Amino acid sequence: MAAGEPFELDGDNGVGVICSHGFTGTPQSIRYLGDRVHEAGFTVRGLRLPGHGTSLEDLDRVRWQDWADAVERELDALLQRCDRVAVVGQSLGGLLALHLAANRPEVAAVASLAAPL
């Protein structure tokens, strides 16, 4: 798996977890956490935020709403497969996790790691 690529790990307990990386990061930066959560039986999706993991020009073309929309799409996808979904994010991903939880009551739990607040 390339460092910039998203990851998906199927679990068996009916609970999904979205993992969101930080600004200018990639899913690889949160993969260790995703692997540990998966070992506990959870389905885990580590997304790559739009504009990240490619070029500065790609990053320059996106707005924060594009990142928020991407996390929301991950929630919708996991809700199709899991009874409950939690979201965890690091830095910018932590802000996006809080934003998602504040706007989507379907989020069962949220963890914000080192969010710049």
C-alpha atoms as a PDB file:
ATOM      1  CA  MET A   1       0.000   0.000   0.000  1.00  0.00           C
ATOM      2  CA  ALA A   2       1.340   3.407  -0.928  1.00  0.00           C
ATOM      3  CA  ALA A   3       1.643   5.896   1.924  1.00  0.00           C
ATOM      4  CA  GLY A   4      -0.834   8.318   0.379  1.00  0.00           C
ATOM      5  CA  GLU A   5      -3.570   5.779  -0.257  1.00  0.00           C
ATOM      6  CA  PRO A   6      -6.668   5.338   1.912  1.00  0.00           C
ATOM      7  CA  PHE A   7      -7.111   2.094   3.816  1.00  0.00           C
ATOM      8  CA  GLU A   8     -10.092  -0.039   4.746  1.00  0.00           C
ATOM      9  CA  LEU A   9     -10.057  -2.860   7.290  1.00  0.00           C
ATOM     10  CA  ASP A  10     -13.144  -5.028   7.776  1.00  0.00           C
ATOM     11  CA  GLY A  11     -14.114  -5.787  11.351  1.00  0.00           C
ATOM     12  CA  ASP A  12     -16.615  -8.120  12.941  1.00  0.00           C
ATOM     13  CA  ASN A  13     -18.322  -6.226  15.764  1.00  0.00           C
ATOM     14  CA  GLY A  14     -20.731  -4.012  13.777  1.00  0.00           C
ATOM     15  CA  VAL A  15     -18.967  -0.788  14.698  1.00  0.00           C
ATOM     16  CA  GLY A  16     -17.100   1.369  12.207  1.00  0.00           C
ATOM     17  CA  VAL A  17     -14.386   3.942  12.813  1.00  0.00           C
ATOM     18  CA  ILE A  18     -13.338   6.713  10.458  1.00  0.00           C
ATOM     19  CA  CYS A  19      -9.689   7.783  10.795  1.00  0.00           C
ATOM     20  CA  SER A  20      -8.761  11.220   9.470  1.00  0.00           C
ATOM     21  CA  HIS A  21      -5.186  12.488   9.147  1.00  0.00           C
ATOM     22  CA  GLY A  22      -3.833  15.986   9.695  1.00  0.00           C
ATOM     23  CA  PHE A  23      -3.040  18.907   7.404  1.00  0.00           C
ATOM     24  CA  THR A  24      -0.587  17.945   4.636  1.00  0.00           C
ATOM     25  CA  GLY A  25      -0.582  14.391   5.981  1.00  0.00           C
ATOM     26  CA  THR A  26      -1.717  11.094   4.525  1.00  0.00           C
ATOM     27  CA  PRO A  27      -3.660   8.099   5.840  1.00  0.00           C
ATOM     28  CA  GLN A  28      -0.321   6.474   6.681  1.00  0.00           C
ATOM     29  CA  SER A  29       0.118   8.931   9.562  1.00  0.00           C
ATOM     30  CA  ILE A  30      -2.917   7.444  11.317  1.00  0.00           C
ATOM     31  CA  ARG A  31      -2.558   3.857  10.068  1.00  0.00           C
ATOM     32  CA  TYR A  32      -0.977   2.560  13.275  1.00  0.00           C
ATOM     33  CA  LEU A  33      -4.029   3.673  15.251  1.00  0.00           C
ATOM     34  CA  GLY A  34      -6.332   2.223  12.595  1.00  0.00           C
ATOM     35  CA  ASP A  35      -4.580  -1.134  12.815  1.00  0.00           C
ATOM     36  CA  ARG A  36      -4.888  -1.243  16.612  1.00  0.00           C
ATOM     37  CA  VAL A  37      -8.601  -0.337  16.466  1.00  0.00           C
ATOM     38  CA  HIS A  38      -9.130  -3.012  13.807  1.00  0.00           C
ATOM     39  CA  GLU A  39      -7.437  -5.612  16.013  1.00  0.00           C
ATOM     40  CA  ALA A  40     -10.199  -4.917  18.552  1.00  0.00           C
ATOM     41  CA  GLY A  41     -12.825  -5.944  15.969  1.00  0.00           C
ATOM     42  CA  PHE A  42     -13.809  -2.621  14.436  1.00  0.00           C
ATOM     43  CA  THR A  43     -14.244  -1.828  10.752  1.00  0.00           C
ATOM     44  CA  VAL A  44     -11.846   1.021   9.990  1.00  0.00           C
ATOM     45  CA  ARG A  45     -11.651   3.425   7.072  1.00  0.00           C
ATOM     46  CA  GLY A  46      -8.668   5.738   6.798  1.00  0.00           C
ATOM     47  CA  LEU A  47      -9.471   8.360   4.211  1.00  0.00           C
ATOM     48  CA  ARG A  48      -7.161  10.644   2.298  1.00  0.00           C
ATOM     49  CA  LEU A  49      -8.431  14.202   2.501  1.00  0.00           C
ATOM     50  CA  PRO A  50      -8.862  15.968  -0.862  1.00  0.00           C
ATOM     51  CA  GLY A  51      -5.705  17.716  -2.015  1.00  0.00           C
ATOM     52  CA  HIS A  52      -3.462  15.772   0.362  1.00  0.00           C
ATOM     53  CA  GLY A  53      -0.773  13.273  -0.491  1.00  0.00           C
ATOM     54  CA  THR A  54      -0.286  14.499  -4.048  1.00  0.00           C
ATOM     55  CA  SER A  55       0.980  18.021  -4.821  1.00  0.00           C
ATOM     56  CA  LEU A  56       0.815  21.532  -3.428  1.00  0.00           C
ATOM     57  CA  GLU A  57      -1.183  22.543  -6.501  1.00  0.00           C
ATOM     58  CA  ASP A  58      -3.831  19.953  -5.622  1.00  0.00           C
ATOM     59  CA  LEU A  59      -3.950  21.210  -2.041  1.00  0.00           C
ATOM     60  CA  ASP A  60      -4.321  24.793  -3.262  1.00  0.00           C
ATOM     61  CA  ARG A  61      -7.474  23.860  -5.209  1.00  0.00           C
ATOM     62  CA  VAL A  62      -9.514  22.656  -2.221  1.00  0.00           C
ATOM     63  CA  ARG A  63     -11.390  24.381   0.582  1.00  0.00           C
ATOM     64  CA  TRP A  64     -12.038  23.177   4.101  1.00  0.00           C
ATOM     65  CA  GLN A  65     -15.571  22.283   3.064  1.00  0.00           C
ATOM     66  CA  ASP A  66     -14.131  19.722   0.635  1.00  0.00           C
ATOM     67  CA  TRP A  67     -12.424  18.021   3.573  1.00  0.00           C
ATOM     68  CA  ALA A  68     -15.586  18.139   5.697  1.00  0.00           C
ATOM     69  CA  ASP A  69     -17.606  16.696   2.804  1.00  0.00           C
ATOM     70  CA  ALA A  70     -15.105  13.856   2.378  1.00  0.00           C
ATOM     71  CA  VAL A  71     -15.394  12.860   6.043  1.00  0.00           C
ATOM     72  CA  GLU A  72     -19.175  13.025   5.779  1.00  0.00           C
ATOM     73  CA  ARG A  73     -19.101  10.717   2.739  1.00  0.00           C
ATOM     74  CA  GLU A  74     -17.046   8.241   4.775  1.00  0.00           C
ATOM     75  CA  LEU A  75     -19.686   8.359   7.507  1.00  0.00           C
ATOM     76  CA  ASP A  76     -22.460   7.669   5.019  1.00  0.00           C
ATOM     77  CA  ALA A  77     -20.508   4.754   3.530  1.00  0.00           C
ATOM     78  CA  LEU A  78     -19.819   3.169   6.908  1.00  0.00           C
ATOM     79  CA  LEU A  79     -23.415   3.612   8.065  1.00  0.00           C
ATOM     80  CA  GLN A  80     -24.408   1.341   5.179  1.00  0.00           C
ATOM     81  CA  ARG A  81     -22.284  -1.450   6.693  1.00  0.00           C
ATOM     82  CA  CYS A  82     -22.100  -0.791  10.426  1.00  0.00           C
ATOM     83  CA  ASP A  83     -24.647  -0.356  13.211  1.00  0.00           C
ATOM     84  CA  ARG A  84     -22.670   2.486  14.775  1.00  0.00           C
ATOM     85  CA  VAL A  85     -19.845   4.706  13.576  1.00  0.00           C
ATOM     86  CA  ALA A  86     -17.228   6.667  15.492  1.00  0.00           C
ATOM     87  CA  VAL A  87     -14.746   9.152  14.079  1.00  0.00           C
ATOM     88  CA  VAL A  88     -11.191   9.861  15.174  1.00  0.00           C
ATOM     89  CA  GLY A  89      -8.906  12.483  13.752  1.00  0.00           C
ATOM     90  CA  GLN A  90      -5.430  13.855  14.269  1.00  0.00           C
ATOM     91  CA  SER A  91      -4.780  17.616  14.127  1.00  0.00           C
ATOM     92  CA  LEU A  92      -6.872  18.926  11.196  1.00  0.00           C
ATOM     93  CA  GLY A  93      -8.552  15.517  11.174  1.00  0.00           C
ATOM     94  CA  GLY A  94      -9.493  16.135  14.812  1.00  0.00           C
ATOM     95  CA  LEU A  95     -11.206  19.375  13.857  1.00  0.00           C
ATOM     96  CA  LEU A  96     -13.035  17.571  11.070  1.00  0.00           C
ATOM     97  CA  ALA A  97     -14.073  14.839  13.516  1.00  0.00           C
ATOM     98  CA  LEU A  98     -15.531  17.447  15.879  1.00  0.00           C
ATOM     99  CA  HIS A  99     -17.281  19.201  12.992  1.00  0.00           C
ATOM    100  CA  LEU A 100     -18.818  15.941  11.791  1.00  0.00           C
ATOM    101  CA  ALA A 101     -19.991  14.963  15.282  1.00  0.00           C
ATOM    102  CA  ALA A 102     -21.517  18.417  15.815  1.00  0.00           C
ATOM    103  CA  ASN A 103     -23.483  18.217  12.581  1.00  0.00           C
ATOM    104  CA  ARG A 104     -24.383  14.555  12.268  1.00  0.00           C
ATOM    105  CA  PRO A 105     -26.126  13.017  15.281  1.00  0.00           C
ATOM    106  CA  GLU A 106     -25.490   9.552  13.838  1.00  0.00           C
ATOM    107  CA  VAL A 107     -21.876   9.779  15.026  1.00  0.00           C
ATOM    108  CA  ALA A 108     -21.706   7.431  18.019  1.00  0.00           C
ATOM    109  CA  ALA A 109     -18.406   8.729  19.394  1.00  0.00           C
ATOM    110  CA  VAL A 110     -15.644  11.171  18.538  1.00  0.00           C
ATOM    111  CA  ALA A 111     -11.956  11.388  19.407  1.00  0.00           C
ATOM    112  CA  SER A 112     -10.012  14.498  18.531  1.00  0.00           C
ATOM    113  CA  LEU A 113      -6.249  14.082  18.801  1.00  0.00           C
ATOM    114  CA  ALA A 114      -4.151  17.258  18.990  1.00  0.00           C
ATOM    115  CA  ALA A 115      -6.746  19.425  17.257  1.00  0.00           C
ATOM    116  CA  PRO A 116      -5.492  22.992  16.814  1.00  0.00           C
ATOM    117  CA  LEU A 117      -8.018  24.680  19.106  1.00  0.00           C
END
